[in-house]
Amino acid sequence: MALLVATGLPAEAAQTQSLDQRFEYLSKNGNSACTPAFADSIAKMPPTARLQGSCCAEMDRKRYAEQVQGLTKYAAIPEIPPDPYDIAAGVAQKAMSYYGLPLSADQQRIYQYAMDNSQEKGPCCCQCWRWTTYGGLAKFLIAEHRFTGEQVVEVWNLSDGCGGSG
């Protein structure tokens, strides 16, 4: 499986590209897959490798812009990827490590609220690498940043990397 960096540039340079350039690249050159093999491969990737593109459907330009713009609200939290279609493997690895994080009863209620109220009824449409990544991220945000269920829902909805118009 090829590990991609948008347009062959370092991640920092890729982030300065225009949204249109990033969309054009990511919508045609993704490496993301909803398979157990791909999920397992993430742990072996270098932290700077990129998980790119959509898993399930074609990316939608309008929705992509909404997502990237909406995620700027969370720029101060480095664990939240700023682009749901271009995630550093190290960020995914860290978030995945939180998936088994035990939550208190109150925290579990917050997590369950997010499960019940997000667009996908969970962190993703299927139990792929994104499910574990964003499920772990949610547990971290609840435990460490005291996120509410509504905030987790917002992060999950903005981070939907399945493609389509939302």
C-alpha atoms as a PDB file:
ATOM      1  CA  MET A   1       0.000   0.000   0.000  1.00  0.00           C
ATOM      2  CA  ALA A   2       1.467   3.331  -1.027  1.00  0.00           C
ATOM      3  CA  LEU A   3       1.826   5.951   1.654  1.00  0.00           C
ATOM      4  CA  LEU A   4       0.867   9.291   0.258  1.00  0.00           C
ATOM      5  CA  VAL A   5       1.761  12.856   0.998  1.00  0.00           C
ATOM      6  CA  ALA A   6      -0.415  15.373  -0.836  1.00  0.00           C
ATOM      7  CA  THR A   7       1.290  16.299  -4.110  1.00  0.00           C
ATOM      8  CA  GLY A   8       4.516  14.789  -2.828  1.00  0.00           C
ATOM      9  CA  LEU A   9       5.186  17.724  -0.482  1.00  0.00           C
ATOM     10  CA  PRO A  10       5.856  17.530   3.241  1.00  0.00           C
ATOM     11  CA  ALA A  11       2.709  17.708   5.355  1.00  0.00           C
ATOM     12  CA  GLU A  12       3.428  21.327   6.357  1.00  0.00           C
ATOM     13  CA  ALA A  13       3.559  22.435   2.718  1.00  0.00           C
ATOM     14  CA  ALA A  14       0.461  20.417   1.882  1.00  0.00           C
ATOM     15  CA  GLN A  15      -1.477  22.330   4.536  1.00  0.00           C
ATOM     16  CA  THR A  16      -0.693  25.639   2.846  1.00  0.00           C
ATOM     17  CA  GLN A  17      -2.121  24.551  -0.485  1.00  0.00           C
ATOM     18  CA  SER A  18      -5.440  25.967  -1.485  1.00  0.00           C
ATOM     19  CA  LEU A  19      -8.512  24.014  -0.521  1.00  0.00           C
ATOM     20  CA  ASP A  20      -9.233  23.397  -4.194  1.00  0.00           C
ATOM     21  CA  GLN A  21      -5.774  21.933  -4.761  1.00  0.00           C
ATOM     22  CA  ARG A  22      -6.086  19.720  -1.711  1.00  0.00           C
ATOM     23  CA  PHE A  23      -9.562  18.552  -2.736  1.00  0.00           C
ATOM     24  CA  GLU A  24      -8.374  17.837  -6.266  1.00  0.00           C
ATOM     25  CA  TYR A  25      -5.481  15.731  -5.002  1.00  0.00           C
ATOM     26  CA  LEU A  26      -7.252  13.922  -2.145  1.00  0.00           C
ATOM     27  CA  SER A  27     -10.359  13.089  -4.171  1.00  0.00           C
ATOM     28  CA  LYS A  28      -8.249  11.299  -6.789  1.00  0.00           C
ATOM     29  CA  ASN A  29      -5.290   9.884  -4.877  1.00  0.00           C
ATOM     30  CA  GLY A  30      -6.553   8.402  -1.625  1.00  0.00           C
ATOM     31  CA  ASN A  31      -5.114   5.338   0.046  1.00  0.00           C
ATOM     32  CA  SER A  32      -7.794   4.891   2.707  1.00  0.00           C
ATOM     33  CA  ALA A  33      -9.719   1.629   2.754  1.00  0.00           C
ATOM     34  CA  CYS A  34     -12.420   0.112   4.964  1.00  0.00           C
ATOM     35  CA  THR A  35     -10.650  -3.180   5.401  1.00  0.00           C
ATOM     36  CA  PRO A  36      -9.214  -4.928   8.452  1.00  0.00           C
ATOM     37  CA  ALA A  37      -5.861  -5.167   6.648  1.00  0.00           C
ATOM     38  CA  PHE A  38      -5.702  -1.409   6.168  1.00  0.00           C
ATOM     39  CA  ALA A  39      -6.682  -0.795   9.803  1.00  0.00           C
ATOM     40  CA  ASP A  40      -3.965  -3.197  10.965  1.00  0.00           C
ATOM     41  CA  SER A  41      -1.377  -1.546   8.698  1.00  0.00           C
ATOM     42  CA  ILE A  42      -1.766   1.845  10.399  1.00  0.00           C
ATOM     43  CA  ALA A  43       0.136   0.693  13.501  1.00  0.00           C
ATOM     44  CA  LYS A  44       3.136  -0.156  11.294  1.00  0.00           C
ATOM     45  CA  MET A  45       3.169   3.132   9.364  1.00  0.00           C
ATOM     46  CA  PRO A  46       5.673   5.869  10.115  1.00  0.00           C
ATOM     47  CA  PRO A  47       3.961   8.642  12.108  1.00  0.00           C
ATOM     48  CA  THR A  48       4.384  11.051   9.195  1.00  0.00           C
ATOM     49  CA  ALA A  49       2.659   8.780   6.662  1.00  0.00           C
ATOM     50  CA  ARG A  50      -0.699  10.121   5.494  1.00  0.00           C
ATOM     51  CA  LEU A  51      -4.115   8.432   5.528  1.00  0.00           C
ATOM     52  CA  GLN A  52      -5.783  10.134   2.625  1.00  0.00           C
ATOM     53  CA  GLY A  53      -8.980  10.213   0.648  1.00  0.00           C
ATOM     54  CA  SER A  54     -12.438   8.830   1.175  1.00  0.00           C
ATOM     55  CA  CYS A  55     -13.256   5.328   2.329  1.00  0.00           C
ATOM     56  CA  CYS A  56     -16.690   4.704   0.890  1.00  0.00           C
ATOM     57  CA  ALA A  57     -17.952   7.308  -1.597  1.00  0.00           C
ATOM     58  CA  GLU A  58     -16.594  10.095  -3.748  1.00  0.00           C
ATOM     59  CA  MET A  59     -15.617  13.239  -1.900  1.00  0.00           C
ATOM     60  CA  ASP A  60     -17.950  16.199  -2.312  1.00  0.00           C
ATOM     61  CA  ARG A  61     -16.230  19.594  -2.810  1.00  0.00           C
ATOM     62  CA  LYS A  62     -18.857  21.660  -0.978  1.00  0.00           C
ATOM     63  CA  ARG A  63     -19.017  19.266   1.965  1.00  0.00           C
ATOM     64  CA  TYR A  64     -15.202  19.100   2.139  1.00  0.00           C
ATOM     65  CA  ALA A  65     -14.981  22.889   2.446  1.00  0.00           C
ATOM     66  CA  GLU A  66     -17.646  22.885   5.185  1.00  0.00           C
ATOM     67  CA  GLN A  67     -15.772  20.210   7.106  1.00  0.00           C
ATOM     68  CA  VAL A  68     -12.342  21.815   6.926  1.00  0.00           C
ATOM     69  CA  GLN A  69     -13.785  25.222   7.845  1.00  0.00           C
ATOM     70  CA  GLY A  70     -15.831  23.758  10.709  1.00  0.00           C
ATOM     71  CA  LEU A  71     -12.851  21.897  12.146  1.00  0.00           C
ATOM     72  CA  THR A  72     -10.873  25.151  12.499  1.00  0.00           C
ATOM     73  CA  LYS A  73     -12.920  25.659  15.688  1.00  0.00           C
ATOM     74  CA  TYR A  74     -10.858  22.856  17.226  1.00  0.00           C
ATOM     75  CA  ALA A  75      -7.421  23.932  15.961  1.00  0.00           C
ATOM     76  CA  ALA A  76      -6.097  24.313  19.520  1.00  0.00           C
ATOM     77  CA  ILE A  77      -6.546  20.562  20.126  1.00  0.00           C
ATOM     78  CA  PRO A  78      -3.797  18.818  18.129  1.00  0.00           C
ATOM     79  CA  GLU A  79      -5.442  15.398  18.515  1.00  0.00           C
ATOM     80  CA  ILE A  80      -8.337  16.506  16.277  1.00  0.00           C
ATOM     81  CA  PRO A  81      -7.270  16.183  12.635  1.00  0.00           C
ATOM     82  CA  PRO A  82      -7.946  19.472  10.798  1.00  0.00           C
ATOM     83  CA  ASP A  83      -8.753  17.619   7.567  1.00  0.00           C
ATOM     84  CA  PRO A  84     -10.811  14.404   7.709  1.00  0.00           C
ATOM     85  CA  TYR A  85      -9.385  13.280   4.369  1.00  0.00           C
ATOM     86  CA  ASP A  86      -5.706  13.832   5.194  1.00  0.00           C
ATOM     87  CA  ILE A  87      -4.682  12.454   8.569  1.00  0.00           C
ATOM     88  CA  ALA A  88      -1.154  11.800   9.781  1.00  0.00           C
ATOM     89  CA  ALA A  89      -0.714   8.143  10.705  1.00  0.00           C
ATOM     90  CA  GLY A  90       0.767   9.211  14.061  1.00  0.00           C
ATOM     91  CA  VAL A  91      -2.403  11.135  14.909  1.00  0.00           C
ATOM     92  CA  ALA A  92      -4.534   8.109  14.009  1.00  0.00           C
ATOM     93  CA  GLN A  93      -2.259   5.779  15.977  1.00  0.00           C
ATOM     94  CA  LYS A  94      -2.561   7.949  19.085  1.00  0.00           C
ATOM     95  CA  ALA A  95      -6.351   8.247  18.780  1.00  0.00           C
ATOM     96  CA  MET A  96      -6.703   4.493  18.218  1.00  0.00           C
ATOM     97  CA  SER A  97      -4.782   3.879  21.436  1.00  0.00           C
ATOM     98  CA  TYR A  98      -7.562   5.666  23.359  1.00  0.00           C
ATOM     99  CA  TYR A  99     -10.321   3.402  22.012  1.00  0.00           C
ATOM    100  CA  GLY A 100     -10.074   1.083  25.024  1.00  0.00           C
ATOM    101  CA  LEU A 101      -9.933   3.978  27.491  1.00  0.00           C
ATOM    102  CA  PRO A 102     -12.298   3.214  30.377  1.00  0.00           C
ATOM    103  CA  LEU A 103     -14.881   5.909  30.998  1.00  0.00           C
ATOM    104  CA  SER A 104     -16.783   6.700  34.172  1.00  0.00           C
ATOM    105  CA  ALA A 105     -20.550   6.192  34.105  1.00  0.00           C
ATOM    106  CA  ASP A 106     -21.096   9.911  33.415  1.00  0.00           C
ATOM    107  CA  GLN A 107     -18.484   9.906  30.670  1.00  0.00           C
ATOM    108  CA  GLN A 108     -20.029   6.780  29.149  1.00  0.00           C
ATOM    109  CA  ARG A 109     -23.407   8.557  29.013  1.00  0.00           C
ATOM    110  CA  ILE A 110     -21.743  11.401  27.084  1.00  0.00           C
ATOM    111  CA  TYR A 111     -20.186   8.887  24.676  1.00  0.00           C
ATOM    112  CA  GLN A 112     -23.514   7.102  24.242  1.00  0.00           C
ATOM    113  CA  TYR A 113     -25.232  10.420  23.530  1.00  0.00           C
ATOM    114  CA  ALA A 114     -22.754  10.956  20.699  1.00  0.00           C
ATOM    115  CA  MET A 115     -23.367   7.431  19.389  1.00  0.00           C
ATOM    116  CA  ASP A 116     -27.120   8.010  19.390  1.00  0.00           C
ATOM    117  CA  ASN A 117     -27.053  11.507  17.898  1.00  0.00           C
ATOM    118  CA  SER A 118     -24.258  11.661  15.325  1.00  0.00           C
ATOM    119  CA  GLN A 119     -25.201  11.502  11.646  1.00  0.00           C
ATOM    120  CA  GLU A 120     -23.631   8.053  11.287  1.00  0.00           C
ATOM    121  CA  LYS A 121     -24.892   6.776  14.685  1.00  0.00           C
ATOM    122  CA  GLY A 122     -21.261   6.400  15.685  1.00  0.00           C
ATOM    123  CA  PRO A 123     -17.870   7.775  14.763  1.00  0.00           C
ATOM    124  CA  CYS A 124     -18.145   6.413  11.196  1.00  0.00           C
ATOM    125  CA  CYS A 125     -20.580   4.573   8.930  1.00  0.00           C
ATOM    126  CA  CYS A 126     -18.879   1.223   9.503  1.00  0.00           C
ATOM    127  CA  GLN A 127     -16.518  -0.250  12.051  1.00  0.00           C
ATOM    128  CA  CYS A 128     -13.345   0.457  10.098  1.00  0.00           C
ATOM    129  CA  TRP A 129     -10.124   2.263  11.049  1.00  0.00           C
ATOM    130  CA  ARG A 130     -12.037   5.559  11.245  1.00  0.00           C
ATOM    131  CA  TRP A 131     -14.450   4.043  13.796  1.00  0.00           C
ATOM    132  CA  THR A 132     -11.576   3.111  16.100  1.00  0.00           C
ATOM    133  CA  THR A 133      -9.695   6.350  15.452  1.00  0.00           C
ATOM    134  CA  TYR A 134     -12.611   8.689  16.058  1.00  0.00           C
ATOM    135  CA  GLY A 135     -14.114   6.523  18.793  1.00  0.00           C
ATOM    136  CA  GLY A 136     -10.795   6.719  20.626  1.00  0.00           C
ATOM    137  CA  LEU A 137     -10.560  10.429  19.935  1.00  0.00           C
ATOM    138  CA  ALA A 138     -14.006  10.937  21.471  1.00  0.00           C
ATOM    139  CA  LYS A 139     -13.036   9.071  24.632  1.00  0.00           C
ATOM    140  CA  PHE A 140      -9.895  11.193  24.910  1.00  0.00           C
ATOM    141  CA  LEU A 141     -11.864  14.420  24.375  1.00  0.00           C
ATOM    142  CA  ILE A 142     -14.447  13.427  26.968  1.00  0.00           C
ATOM    143  CA  ALA A 143     -11.866  12.347  29.548  1.00  0.00           C
ATOM    144  CA  GLU A 144      -9.207  15.017  28.995  1.00  0.00           C
ATOM    145  CA  HIS A 145     -11.079  18.027  27.595  1.00  0.00           C
ATOM    146  CA  ARG A 146     -14.484  17.435  29.236  1.00  0.00           C
ATOM    147  CA  PHE A 147     -16.281  17.452  25.913  1.00  0.00           C
ATOM    148  CA  THR A 148     -20.044  17.203  26.006  1.00  0.00           C
ATOM    149  CA  GLY A 149     -21.993  14.770  23.872  1.00  0.00           C
ATOM    150  CA  GLU A 150     -22.966  17.650  21.593  1.00  0.00           C
ATOM    151  CA  GLN A 151     -19.315  18.592  21.079  1.00  0.00           C
ATOM    152  CA  VAL A 152     -18.372  14.994  20.247  1.00  0.00           C
ATOM    153  CA  VAL A 153     -21.259  14.837  17.770  1.00  0.00           C
ATOM    154  CA  GLU A 154     -20.007  18.007  16.109  1.00  0.00           C
ATOM    155  CA  VAL A 155     -16.451  16.667  15.812  1.00  0.00           C
ATOM    156  CA  TRP A 156     -17.687  13.337  14.435  1.00  0.00           C
ATOM    157  CA  ASN A 157     -20.045  14.964  11.939  1.00  0.00           C
ATOM    158  CA  LEU A 158     -17.345  17.357  10.726  1.00  0.00           C
ATOM    159  CA  SER A 159     -14.797  14.533  10.575  1.00  0.00           C
ATOM    160  CA  ASP A 160     -16.881  12.145   8.495  1.00  0.00           C
ATOM    161  CA  GLY A 161     -14.424  10.780   5.952  1.00  0.00           C
ATOM    162  CA  CYS A 162     -16.795   8.457   4.156  1.00  0.00           C
ATOM    163  CA  GLY A 163     -17.331  10.850   1.268  1.00  0.00           C
ATOM    164  CA  GLY A 164     -20.572  12.119  -0.170  1.00  0.00           C
ATOM    165  CA  SER A 165     -22.438  15.310   0.591  1.00  0.00           C
ATOM    166  CA  GLY A 166     -23.112  14.528   4.246  1.00  0.00           C
END
